[in-house]
């Protein structure tokens, strides 16, 4: 579960970018949330400002259950937390920075980089 204080990527007026989290596909719960990148007027500012984590607690995006900060801390200390890729920054042909949702190729590249880092981190 991502511990996101909000869903904003960029809040610059006229260039707003946020993510929308999906926890199910075709009525089936996903093992890991997926994200859609949304732009400009499609961004609901109130929705984007609502996060999952605040004040040391979190709210499950799957069932709205409140998750206590002590539980989150214990999971982190036990090594059962990891990062989640929810957007990729790219440059357009004109050089402008924009964002897109990650593809399976992006996730595969990240897994490969993590494996390589694990091989060399203590060398």
Foldseek 3Di string as FASTA:
>chain_A
DDQDQFFWPDDPAPWTKGKDWDQDDPPHGDPDIAIFIDTDPVDDVVRRNHGQHDPLWGADPVPRDIGHNVVVVVCVVVVNDDDDQHWDWDADPVRDIDIGGDDVVNVVVVVVVVVVCVVPVVD
